[in-house]
Every structure is written in C-alpha cells, then in structure tokens.
C-alpha atoms as a PDB file:
ATOM      1  CA  MET A   1     -13.605   1.589 -20.437  1.00  0.00           C
ATOM      2  CA  ARG A   2     -13.803   5.114 -19.158  1.00  0.00           C
ATOM      3  CA  ASP A   3     -11.753   8.259 -19.134  1.00  0.00           C
ATOM      4  CA  VAL A   4     -10.694   9.108 -15.566  1.00  0.00           C
ATOM      5  CA  ASP A   5      -8.442  12.196 -14.148  1.00  0.00           C
ATOM      6  CA  TRP A   6      -5.391  10.213 -14.721  1.00  0.00           C
ATOM      7  CA  GLY A   7      -5.914   8.417 -17.847  1.00  0.00           C
ATOM      8  CA  THR A   8      -8.220   5.520 -19.012  1.00  0.00           C
ATOM      9  CA  ALA A   9      -9.631   3.046 -16.852  1.00  0.00           C
ATOM     10  CA  LYS A  10     -10.953  -0.346 -17.837  1.00  0.00           C
ATOM     11  CA  LEU A  11     -12.923  -2.993 -15.791  1.00  0.00           C
ATOM     12  CA  MET A  12     -12.170  -6.499 -16.972  1.00  0.00           C
ATOM     13  CA  PRO A  13     -14.155  -9.772 -15.454  1.00  0.00           C
ATOM     14  CA  ASP A  14     -12.295 -12.533 -14.135  1.00  0.00           C
ATOM     15  CA  VAL A  15     -13.713 -15.679 -16.023  1.00  0.00           C
ATOM     16  CA  ASP A  16     -13.169 -17.913 -12.940  1.00  0.00           C
ATOM     17  CA  ARG A  17     -14.858 -16.015 -10.307  1.00  0.00           C
ATOM     18  CA  PRO A  18     -18.458 -14.573 -11.199  1.00  0.00           C
ATOM     19  CA  ARG A  19     -18.241 -11.238  -9.607  1.00  0.00           C
ATOM     20  CA  ALA A  20     -14.709 -10.600  -9.677  1.00  0.00           C
ATOM     21  CA  TRP A  21     -12.970  -7.741 -11.512  1.00  0.00           C
ATOM     22  CA  LEU A  22      -9.680  -6.322 -12.553  1.00  0.00           C
ATOM     23  CA  LEU A  23      -9.305  -2.720 -12.854  1.00  0.00           C
ATOM     24  CA  THR A  24      -6.444  -1.306 -15.050  1.00  0.00           C
ATOM     25  CA  VAL A  25      -5.468   2.374 -15.510  1.00  0.00           C
ATOM     26  CA  ASN A  26      -3.547   3.174 -18.791  1.00  0.00           C
ATOM     27  CA  GLY A  27      -3.090  -0.618 -19.402  1.00  0.00           C
ATOM     28  CA  ALA A  28      -1.491  -1.235 -15.885  1.00  0.00           C
ATOM     29  CA  PRO A  29      -3.217  -3.486 -13.406  1.00  0.00           C
ATOM     30  CA  GLN A  30      -4.503  -1.131 -10.791  1.00  0.00           C
ATOM     31  CA  SER A  31      -6.680  -3.226  -8.346  1.00  0.00           C
ATOM     32  CA  TYR A  32      -8.383  -6.517  -8.249  1.00  0.00           C
ATOM     33  CA  VAL A  33     -12.083  -7.140  -6.433  1.00  0.00           C
ATOM     34  CA  ASP A  34     -13.983  -9.923  -5.614  1.00  0.00           C
ATOM     35  CA  LEU A  35     -17.428  -8.502  -4.656  1.00  0.00           C
ATOM     36  CA  ASP A  36     -18.481 -11.990  -3.459  1.00  0.00           C
ATOM     37  CA  ASP A  37     -15.462 -12.651  -1.395  1.00  0.00           C
ATOM     38  CA  PRO A  38     -13.631  -9.225  -0.398  1.00  0.00           C
ATOM     39  CA  ALA A  39     -11.122 -11.510   1.384  1.00  0.00           C
ATOM     40  CA  HIS A  40      -9.737 -12.965  -1.789  1.00  0.00           C
ATOM     41  CA  LEU A  41      -6.749 -10.917  -2.784  1.00  0.00           C
ATOM     42  CA  GLU A  42      -5.167 -11.625  -6.233  1.00  0.00           C
ATOM     43  CA  PHE A  43      -2.264  -9.088  -6.223  1.00  0.00           C
ATOM     44  CA  GLU A  44       0.930 -10.380  -4.154  1.00  0.00           C
ATOM     45  CA  TYR A  45       1.538  -6.855  -2.668  1.00  0.00           C
ATOM     46  CA  ALA A  46      -2.127  -6.634  -1.254  1.00  0.00           C
ATOM     47  CA  GLN A  47      -1.662  -9.985   0.417  1.00  0.00           C
ATOM     48  CA  ARG A  48       1.578  -8.637   2.038  1.00  0.00           C
ATOM     49  CA  ILE A  49      -0.101  -5.501   3.274  1.00  0.00           C
ATOM     50  CA  ALA A  50      -3.086  -7.956   4.372  1.00  0.00           C
ATOM     51  CA  HIS A  51      -0.534  -9.812   6.414  1.00  0.00           C
ATOM     52  CA  VAL A  52       0.587  -6.600   8.208  1.00  0.00           C
ATOM     53  CA  LEU A  53      -3.335  -5.757   8.642  1.00  0.00           C
ATOM     54  CA  ASP A  54      -3.891  -9.321  10.088  1.00  0.00           C
ATOM     55  CA  ALA A  55      -0.955  -8.939  12.518  1.00  0.00           C
ATOM     56  CA  ALA A  56      -1.754  -5.242  13.685  1.00  0.00           C
ATOM     57  CA  ALA A  57      -4.124  -6.652  16.562  1.00  0.00           C
ATOM     58  CA  GLU A  58      -5.797  -9.913  17.685  1.00  0.00           C
ATOM     59  CA  PRO A  59      -8.170 -11.768  15.083  1.00  0.00           C
ATOM     60  CA  ASP A  60     -11.547  -9.673  14.868  1.00  0.00           C
ATOM     61  CA  ARG A  61     -10.597  -6.703  16.818  1.00  0.00           C
ATOM     62  CA  PRO A  62     -11.905  -3.614  14.671  1.00  0.00           C
ATOM     63  CA  LEU A  63      -8.910  -1.090  13.498  1.00  0.00           C
ATOM     64  CA  ASP A  64      -9.005   2.404  12.505  1.00  0.00           C
ATOM     65  CA  VAL A  65      -7.359   2.447   9.227  1.00  0.00           C
ATOM     66  CA  LEU A  66      -6.280   5.271   6.990  1.00  0.00           C
ATOM     67  CA  HIS A  67      -5.932   4.340   3.442  1.00  0.00           C
ATOM     68  CA  LEU A  68      -3.862   6.707   1.167  1.00  0.00           C
ATOM     69  CA  GLY A  69      -4.657   5.731  -2.294  1.00  0.00           C
ATOM     70  CA  GLY A  70      -8.077   3.861  -2.920  1.00  0.00           C
ATOM     71  CA  GLY A  71      -8.287   2.304  -6.399  1.00  0.00           C
ATOM     72  CA  ALA A  72     -11.022  -0.088  -6.392  1.00  0.00           C
ATOM     73  CA  LEU A  73     -11.027  -0.148  -2.641  1.00  0.00           C
ATOM     74  CA  THR A  74      -9.373  -3.838  -2.222  1.00  0.00           C
ATOM     75  CA  LEU A  75      -7.814  -3.374   0.920  1.00  0.00           C
ATOM     76  CA  PRO A  76     -10.691  -1.393   2.640  1.00  0.00           C
ATOM     77  CA  ARG A  77     -12.980  -4.250   1.516  1.00  0.00           C
ATOM     78  CA  TYR A  78     -10.726  -6.644   2.975  1.00  0.00           C
ATOM     79  CA  VAL A  79     -10.585  -5.067   6.470  1.00  0.00           C
ATOM     80  CA  ALA A  80     -14.368  -4.627   6.519  1.00  0.00           C
ATOM     81  CA  ALA A  81     -14.839  -8.293   5.950  1.00  0.00           C
ATOM     82  CA  THR A  82     -12.170  -9.660   8.229  1.00  0.00           C
ATOM     83  CA  ARG A  83     -12.533  -6.904  11.108  1.00  0.00           C
ATOM     84  CA  PRO A  84     -16.144  -5.832  11.161  1.00  0.00           C
ATOM     85  CA  GLY A  85     -16.682  -2.483  12.954  1.00  0.00           C
ATOM     86  CA  SER A  86     -13.443  -1.041  11.788  1.00  0.00           C
ATOM     87  CA  ARG A  87     -13.525   2.575  10.805  1.00  0.00           C
ATOM     88  CA  GLN A  88     -11.843   3.242   7.602  1.00  0.00           C
ATOM     89  CA  ARG A  89     -11.142   6.497   5.840  1.00  0.00           C
ATOM     90  CA  VAL A  90      -9.925   6.294   2.134  1.00  0.00           C
ATOM     91  CA  VAL A  91      -8.410   9.227   0.371  1.00  0.00           C
ATOM     92  CA  GLU A  92      -8.303   8.906  -3.666  1.00  0.00           C
ATOM     93  CA  ALA A  93      -7.144  11.853  -5.755  1.00  0.00           C
ATOM     94  CA  ASP A  94      -8.779  10.572  -8.929  1.00  0.00           C
ATOM     95  CA  ARG A  95     -12.397  11.606  -8.883  1.00  0.00           C
ATOM     96  CA  GLY A  96     -13.285   9.882 -12.241  1.00  0.00           C
ATOM     97  CA  LEU A  97     -11.872   6.583 -10.802  1.00  0.00           C
ATOM     98  CA  LEU A  98     -14.036   7.098  -7.588  1.00  0.00           C
ATOM     99  CA  ALA A  99     -16.895   7.593  -9.539  1.00  0.00           C
ATOM    100  CA  LEU A 100     -16.326   4.551 -11.763  1.00  0.00           C
ATOM    101  CA  VAL A 101     -15.767   2.238  -8.794  1.00  0.00           C
ATOM    102  CA  ALA A 102     -18.938   3.615  -6.885  1.00  0.00           C
ATOM    103  CA  GLU A 103     -20.931   2.769 -10.092  1.00  0.00           C
ATOM    104  CA  HIS A 104     -19.537  -0.603 -10.893  1.00  0.00           C
ATOM    105  CA  LEU A 105     -18.165  -1.988  -7.772  1.00  0.00           C
ATOM    106  CA  PRO A 106     -19.969  -0.448  -4.812  1.00  0.00           C
ATOM    107  CA  LEU A 107     -19.159  -1.053  -0.996  1.00  0.00           C
ATOM    108  CA  ARG A 108     -21.596  -2.995   1.072  1.00  0.00           C
ATOM    109  CA  ASP A 109     -23.911  -1.345   3.132  1.00  0.00           C
ATOM    110  CA  GLY A 110     -22.513  -0.736   6.652  1.00  0.00           C
ATOM    111  CA  SER A 111     -18.952  -1.140   5.413  1.00  0.00           C
ATOM    112  CA  GLY A 112     -17.667   1.443   7.937  1.00  0.00           C
ATOM    113  CA  VAL A 113     -15.720   2.869   4.687  1.00  0.00           C
ATOM    114  CA  GLU A 114     -15.724   6.606   4.170  1.00  0.00           C
ATOM    115  CA  VAL A 115     -14.267   7.522   0.956  1.00  0.00           C
ATOM    116  CA  ILE A 116     -13.050  11.176  -0.036  1.00  0.00           C
ATOM    117  CA  ALA A 117     -11.578  12.638  -2.923  1.00  0.00           C
ATOM    118  CA  GLY A 118      -8.174  14.451  -2.164  1.00  0.00           C
ATOM    119  CA  ASP A 119      -4.566  14.597  -2.098  1.00  0.00           C
ATOM    120  CA  ALA A 120      -3.040  12.048   0.229  1.00  0.00           C
ATOM    121  CA  ARG A 121      -0.401  13.968   1.794  1.00  0.00           C
ATOM    122  CA  ARG A 122      -2.800  16.925   2.536  1.00  0.00           C
ATOM    123  CA  GLU A 123      -5.330  14.632   4.006  1.00  0.00           C
ATOM    124  CA  LEU A 124      -2.585  13.006   6.235  1.00  0.00           C
ATOM    125  CA  GLU A 125      -1.363  16.253   7.429  1.00  0.00           C
ATOM    126  CA  ALA A 126      -5.017  17.236   8.257  1.00  0.00           C
ATOM    127  CA  ALA A 127      -5.592  14.023  10.412  1.00  0.00           C
ATOM    128  CA  ALA A 128      -5.853  14.046  14.089  1.00  0.00           C
ATOM    129  CA  ASP A 129      -2.902  12.931  16.201  1.00  0.00           C
ATOM    130  CA  ALA A 130      -2.953   9.322  17.139  1.00  0.00           C
ATOM    131  CA  SER A 131      -6.069   8.664  15.275  1.00  0.00           C
ATOM    132  CA  ALA A 132      -5.103   5.595  13.198  1.00  0.00           C
ATOM    133  CA  ASP A 133      -4.082   2.109  14.178  1.00  0.00           C
ATOM    134  CA  VAL A 134      -2.740   1.478  10.377  1.00  0.00           C
ATOM    135  CA  ILE A 135      -2.009   3.805   7.642  1.00  0.00           C
ATOM    136  CA  VAL A 136      -1.740   1.905   4.214  1.00  0.00           C
ATOM    137  CA  ALA A 137      -0.137   3.967   1.483  1.00  0.00           C
ATOM    138  CA  ASP A 138      -0.687   2.595  -2.134  1.00  0.00           C
ATOM    139  CA  VAL A 139      -0.550   5.976  -4.321  1.00  0.00           C
ATOM    140  CA  PHE A 140       0.537   5.883  -7.735  1.00  0.00           C
ATOM    141  CA  GLY A 141       0.500   8.711 -10.036  1.00  0.00           C
ATOM    142  CA  GLY A 142       0.305   6.829 -13.371  1.00  0.00           C
ATOM    143  CA  SER A 143       3.224   4.250 -12.411  1.00  0.00           C
ATOM    144  CA  ARG A 144       5.113   6.104  -9.912  1.00  0.00           C
ATOM    145  CA  VAL A 145       4.804   6.859  -6.306  1.00  0.00           C
ATOM    146  CA  PRO A 146       4.392  10.790  -6.071  1.00  0.00           C
ATOM    147  CA  ALA A 147       7.587  12.636  -4.761  1.00  0.00           C
ATOM    148  CA  HIS A 148       5.754  14.582  -2.044  1.00  0.00           C
ATOM    149  CA  LEU A 149       4.622  11.143  -0.441  1.00  0.00           C
ATOM    150  CA  THR A 150       8.469  10.123   0.042  1.00  0.00           C
ATOM    151  CA  SER A 151      10.005  12.789   2.187  1.00  0.00           C
ATOM    152  CA  LEU A 152      10.996  13.253   5.820  1.00  0.00           C
ATOM    153  CA  ALA A 153       8.063  15.551   6.522  1.00  0.00           C
ATOM    154  CA  TYR A 154       5.596  13.115   4.921  1.00  0.00           C
ATOM    155  CA  ALA A 155       7.065  10.251   7.141  1.00  0.00           C
ATOM    156  CA  ARG A 156       6.942  12.631  10.282  1.00  0.00           C
ATOM    157  CA  ALA A 157       2.957  13.221   9.421  1.00  0.00           C
ATOM    158  CA  ALA A 158       2.427   9.601   9.400  1.00  0.00           C
ATOM    159  CA  ALA A 159       4.250   9.097  12.629  1.00  0.00           C
ATOM    160  CA  ARG A 160       1.897  11.800  14.358  1.00  0.00           C
ATOM    161  CA  VAL A 161      -1.067  10.188  13.106  1.00  0.00           C
ATOM    162  CA  LEU A 162      -0.295   6.681  14.181  1.00  0.00           C
ATOM    163  CA  ARG A 163      -1.130   5.424  17.586  1.00  0.00           C
ATOM    164  CA  PRO A 164       1.809   4.359  19.509  1.00  0.00           C
ATOM    165  CA  HIS A 165       1.404   0.674  18.610  1.00  0.00           C
ATOM    166  CA  GLY A 166       0.321   1.429  15.078  1.00  0.00           C
ATOM    167  CA  CYS A 167       1.942   0.601  11.880  1.00  0.00           C
ATOM    168  CA  TYR A 168       2.521   2.093   8.431  1.00  0.00           C
ATOM    169  CA  ALA A 169       2.463  -0.165   5.324  1.00  0.00           C
ATOM    170  CA  ALA A 170       3.456   1.396   1.799  1.00  0.00           C
ATOM    171  CA  ASN A 171       3.388  -0.303  -1.620  1.00  0.00           C
ATOM    172  CA  LEU A 172       6.623   0.736  -3.263  1.00  0.00           C
ATOM    173  CA  ALA A 173       8.169  -0.266  -6.704  1.00  0.00           C
ATOM    174  CA  ASP A 174      11.817  -0.300  -7.686  1.00  0.00           C
ATOM    175  CA  GLY A 175      14.708  -2.378  -9.125  1.00  0.00           C
ATOM    176  CA  THR A 176      18.446  -2.643  -9.148  1.00  0.00           C
ATOM    177  CA  PRO A 177      20.380  -0.598  -7.990  1.00  0.00           C
ATOM    178  CA  PHE A 178      17.117   0.152  -5.473  1.00  0.00           C
ATOM    179  CA  THR A 179      18.138   3.930  -5.135  1.00  0.00           C
ATOM    180  CA  PHE A 180      14.529   4.982  -4.333  1.00  0.00           C
ATOM    181  CA  LEU A 181      13.775   1.964  -2.084  1.00  0.00           C
ATOM    182  CA  ARG A 182      16.998   2.340   0.049  1.00  0.00           C
ATOM    183  CA  SER A 183      16.319   6.023   0.225  1.00  0.00           C
ATOM    184  CA  GLN A 184      12.798   5.072   1.426  1.00  0.00           C
ATOM    185  CA  VAL A 185      14.349   2.810   4.269  1.00  0.00           C
ATOM    186  CA  ALA A 186      16.685   5.668   5.208  1.00  0.00           C
ATOM    187  CA  THR A 187      13.713   8.184   5.257  1.00  0.00           C
ATOM    188  CA  PHE A 188      11.514   6.111   7.427  1.00  0.00           C
ATOM    189  CA  GLY A 189      14.297   4.858   9.390  1.00  0.00           C
ATOM    190  CA  ALA A 190      15.210   8.354  10.588  1.00  0.00           C
ATOM    191  CA  VAL A 191      11.515   8.648  11.937  1.00  0.00           C
ATOM    192  CA  PHE A 192      10.445   5.261  13.083  1.00  0.00           C
ATOM    193  CA  ALA A 193      12.432   2.916  15.519  1.00  0.00           C
ATOM    194  CA  HIS A 194      11.339  -0.194  13.805  1.00  0.00           C
ATOM    195  CA  LEU A 195      11.282  -1.224  10.034  1.00  0.00           C
ATOM    196  CA  CYS A 196      10.849  -4.054   7.876  1.00  0.00           C
ATOM    197  CA  LEU A 197      10.626  -4.809   4.090  1.00  0.00           C
ATOM    198  CA  ILE A 198       8.295  -7.576   2.421  1.00  0.00           C
ATOM    199  CA  ALA A 199       9.369  -8.490  -0.968  1.00  0.00           C
ATOM    200  CA  GLU A 200      10.088 -11.685  -3.101  1.00  0.00           C
ATOM    201  CA  PRO A 201      13.652 -12.791  -2.915  1.00  0.00           C
ATOM    202  CA  SER A 202      14.097 -12.507  -6.605  1.00  0.00           C
ATOM    203  CA  MET A 203      13.321  -8.764  -6.605  1.00  0.00           C
ATOM    204  CA  LEU A 204      15.622  -7.728  -3.572  1.00  0.00           C
ATOM    205  CA  ARG A 205      18.397  -9.729  -5.471  1.00  0.00           C
ATOM    206  CA  GLY A 206      17.921  -7.325  -8.366  1.00  0.00           C
ATOM    207  CA  ARG A 207      16.532 -10.015 -10.990  1.00  0.00           C
ATOM    208  CA  ARG A 208      13.676  -7.732 -11.788  1.00  0.00           C
ATOM    209  CA  PHE A 209      11.665  -4.551 -11.134  1.00  0.00           C
ATOM    210  CA  GLY A 210       8.964  -5.157  -8.622  1.00  0.00           C
ATOM    211  CA  ASN A 211       6.850  -4.198  -5.414  1.00  0.00           C
ATOM    212  CA  ALA A 212       8.096  -4.271  -1.992  1.00  0.00           C
ATOM    213  CA  VAL A 213       6.099  -3.188   1.218  1.00  0.00           C
ATOM    214  CA  LEU A 214       7.734  -1.101   3.640  1.00  0.00           C
ATOM    215  CA  VAL A 215       6.482  -1.418   7.207  1.00  0.00           C
ATOM    216  CA  ALA A 216       7.387   1.182   9.784  1.00  0.00           C
ATOM    217  CA  SER A 217       6.171   1.546  13.453  1.00  0.00           C
ATOM    218  CA  HIS A 218       7.092   3.238  16.854  1.00  0.00           C
ATOM    219  CA  SER A 219       6.899  -0.380  18.339  1.00  0.00           C
ATOM    220  CA  GLU A 220       8.461  -3.526  17.750  1.00  0.00           C
ATOM    221  CA  LEU A 221       7.029  -5.311  14.628  1.00  0.00           C
ATOM    222  CA  PRO A 222       5.867  -8.782  14.482  1.00  0.00           C
ATOM    223  CA  VAL A 223       8.501  -9.929  12.153  1.00  0.00           C
ATOM    224  CA  THR A 224       8.117 -13.339  12.783  1.00  0.00           C
ATOM    225  CA  ALA A 225       4.453 -13.821  12.215  1.00  0.00           C
ATOM    226  CA  LEU A 226       4.834 -11.555   8.911  1.00  0.00           C
ATOM    227  CA  ALA A 227       7.765 -13.824   7.812  1.00  0.00           C
ATOM    228  CA  ARG A 228       5.753 -16.890   8.398  1.00  0.00           C
ATOM    229  CA  ARG A 229       2.576 -15.718   6.483  1.00  0.00           C
ATOM    230  CA  ALA A 230       4.835 -14.283   3.574  1.00  0.00           C
ATOM    231  CA  ALA A 231       6.653 -17.478   3.236  1.00  0.00           C
ATOM    232  CA  GLY A 232       3.305 -19.216   2.791  1.00  0.00           C
ATOM    233  CA  ASP A 233       2.188 -17.156  -0.044  1.00  0.00           C
ATOM    234  CA  ALA A 234       1.863 -18.508  -3.683  1.00  0.00           C
ATOM    235  CA  PHE A 235       4.743 -16.503  -4.606  1.00  0.00           C
ATOM    236  CA  PRO A 236       6.794 -16.544  -1.273  1.00  0.00           C
ATOM    237  CA  ALA A 237       8.325 -13.430   0.053  1.00  0.00           C
ATOM    238  CA  ARG A 238      11.021 -12.599   2.666  1.00  0.00           C
ATOM    239  CA  VAL A 239      11.063 -10.213   5.251  1.00  0.00           C
ATOM    240  CA  GLU A 240      14.247  -8.102   5.690  1.00  0.00           C
ATOM    241  CA  HIS A 241      14.784  -6.268   9.227  1.00  0.00           C
ATOM    242  CA  GLY A 242      17.383  -5.517  11.495  1.00  0.00           C
ATOM    243  CA  GLU A 243      21.120  -5.561  10.234  1.00  0.00           C
ATOM    244  CA  ALA A 244      20.006  -7.133   6.937  1.00  0.00           C
ATOM    245  CA  LEU A 245      17.799  -4.084   6.194  1.00  0.00           C
ATOM    246  CA  GLU A 246      20.618  -1.781   7.344  1.00  0.00           C
ATOM    247  CA  ARG A 247      22.999  -3.273   4.956  1.00  0.00           C
ATOM    248  CA  PHE A 248      20.452  -2.998   2.215  1.00  0.00           C
ATOM    249  CA  ALA A 249      20.126   0.612   2.843  1.00  0.00           C
ATOM    250  CA  ALA A 250      23.733   1.396   3.728  1.00  0.00           C
ATOM    251  CA  GLY A 251      25.000   4.675   2.343  1.00  0.00           C
ATOM    252  CA  ALA A 252      21.278   6.013   1.626  1.00  0.00           C
ATOM    253  CA  GLU A 253      20.244   9.204   3.154  1.00  0.00           C
ATOM    254  CA  PRO A 254      16.892  10.402   4.347  1.00  0.00           C
ATOM    255  CA  VAL A 255      15.384  12.780   1.769  1.00  0.00           C
ATOM    256  CA  ASP A 256      13.353  16.105   2.529  1.00  0.00           C
ATOM    257  CA  ASP A 257      10.798  17.719   0.250  1.00  0.00           C
ATOM    258  CA  ALA A 258      13.286  19.629  -1.812  1.00  0.00           C
ATOM    259  CA  ASP A 259      15.090  16.466  -2.770  1.00  0.00           C
ATOM    260  CA  ALA A 260      12.380  14.085  -2.992  1.00  0.00           C
ATOM    261  CA  VAL A 261      11.682  12.321  -6.062  1.00  0.00           C
ATOM    262  CA  GLY A 262       9.189   9.743  -7.036  1.00  0.00           C
ATOM    263  CA  SER A 263       9.678   6.142  -7.649  1.00  0.00           C
ATOM    264  CA  PRO A 264      11.412   5.100 -11.150  1.00  0.00           C
ATOM    265  CA  GLU A 265       9.354   4.601 -14.135  1.00  0.00           C
ATOM    266  CA  PRO A 266       8.888   0.830 -14.483  1.00  0.00           C
ATOM    267  CA  PRO A 267      10.441  -0.785 -17.465  1.00  0.00           C
ATOM    268  CA  GLY A 268       8.478  -1.170 -20.527  1.00  0.00           C
ATOM    269  CA  GLY A 269       5.752  -3.918 -19.948  1.00  0.00           C
ATOM    270  CA  ALA A 270       6.407  -4.620 -16.281  1.00  0.00           C
ATOM    271  CA  PHE A 271       3.273  -3.906 -15.216  1.00  0.00           C
ATOM    272  CA  SER A 272       1.132  -3.908 -18.326  1.00  0.00           C
ATOM    273  CA  VAL A 273      -1.904  -6.030 -19.117  1.00  0.00           C
ATOM    274  CA  GLY A 274      -2.979  -6.626 -22.694  1.00  0.00           C
END
C-alpha cells in the first residue's frame, strides 16, 4: 500500500496466477497485470479496447499508439506482446502511481513503450498531426472521467492526431439516464464520421452503472469484426452503431469546454474492492 498523488494505491496478488497483480486506487480496481502473460486481460473494458486494437490493422503489424492514462500499463503491455515493434507513448498524470508501477511492475526490456508524467489533454494537444494509429483514453480522476477530456475541443485534438484510418477508443462510465454517455456520443459524432459503442446489453438497458467503450474514426469502423469478438467474451457485449446509436443519443448535444462535465460518480460500491 502506498500514498500516490490521487489517493492510496494497493497491489494485490492474484492467487491463481503467479505473477499477476490487481492495482487498486482508493479501493477501486484500476488495473490488472500478468507479468508472465501480458496478453491476458482480466477487466471487461480492457478486453473490449483490445478488440479495437486487434482490429486496427492486420495481425502482427506494429502500431503507433498514444495512451491517455496509464495505470499499470495493461494495454501498452498487451500491444507490445501482440504487435512487437509498435511505438507507444503513455501519458499518466499521477507521478506517484508511475513510480509504484515502475518499481513493482516493470516493463519488459525493448517494449517500445515511452511513459511520461503529464496532463492527458495537454500532451494530446502537443502531439504531431497524423502521428497515431490508435488513441486509447482511459483517464479517471478518482472514479470520474475529467471534464476537460469530454469536450469538442478535446475531440478535435484527437481527430487531428489520428491518421486517416486511425481510431480513438475511450473507456467511459455511466448509468441510466446516460446523460454523460449520450453527450459523448453527440460530441464525438460532431467531429468523427464513424462511431460505435461497445457495452454489455444489461448496462445499455439501464439495469446497472458500468463501463462502455466509445470508438470513433474518420474511416468506416470494422463493426462486424468488433461485434463478433465482443459477443465471444466471458461477459458478452453488444456493439451499437448507425441508427441504433443515433436513437441512443437522440436529443443530446455536443459540449464545449465551458459546458463540459466529468462522468458521474459511481453509485456506492459499484467498482470497489474489499
């Protein structure tokens, strides 16, 4: 257990996997890493983002990936293992967390992963035009997505940094009536031509608060491939796109910086670990 910039971090070993660890911050699950098997993903949202990464290019082709939010570097490790030679840059605001991860969960030599401490939006806005094949956004301040990572200006910055066939994938959290999630669909839909949302059907039906992965691109998304992969997960997910996604977001408006708000606080115990 260690105090980090945004609270208290704790590493808990997985009794079933010799070198696997669960990282929690303030009691909420933050990351899961298996040092012996970086391609093993425990969290459902991480599996869904991995589906996006898998479908971003033909198998084994290296990718240039910008990760906004690092945690224990679960997805950068996944890309390094599944697409050797990839160039990855990770931005994490919590310096204390970075130090803890570097000490106890070090990256493999030659991983091709560069980790920097900084603000996600500031580093995104400083990135070169058309420099990323994929942008992965998994940023939570406490248990909420920060407001400055939800606006039109932020979405436009992501669009500028992506290559023409690149895609943006964000881990978001919400519950009924989905005011935040619907606003994100509207905001990114105002910037990108193609969107989809990956989530469990029960979450989309409003039965529980949970995670959804928003995917956006200038180019047509491989929704059929994503749907097939998501349906095969241990907790199957659905891919909403086209008219179904338009109905989901009907009436929602894009948000600018002045009006942006973070994701809602999860209900008590929604993501906590004892």
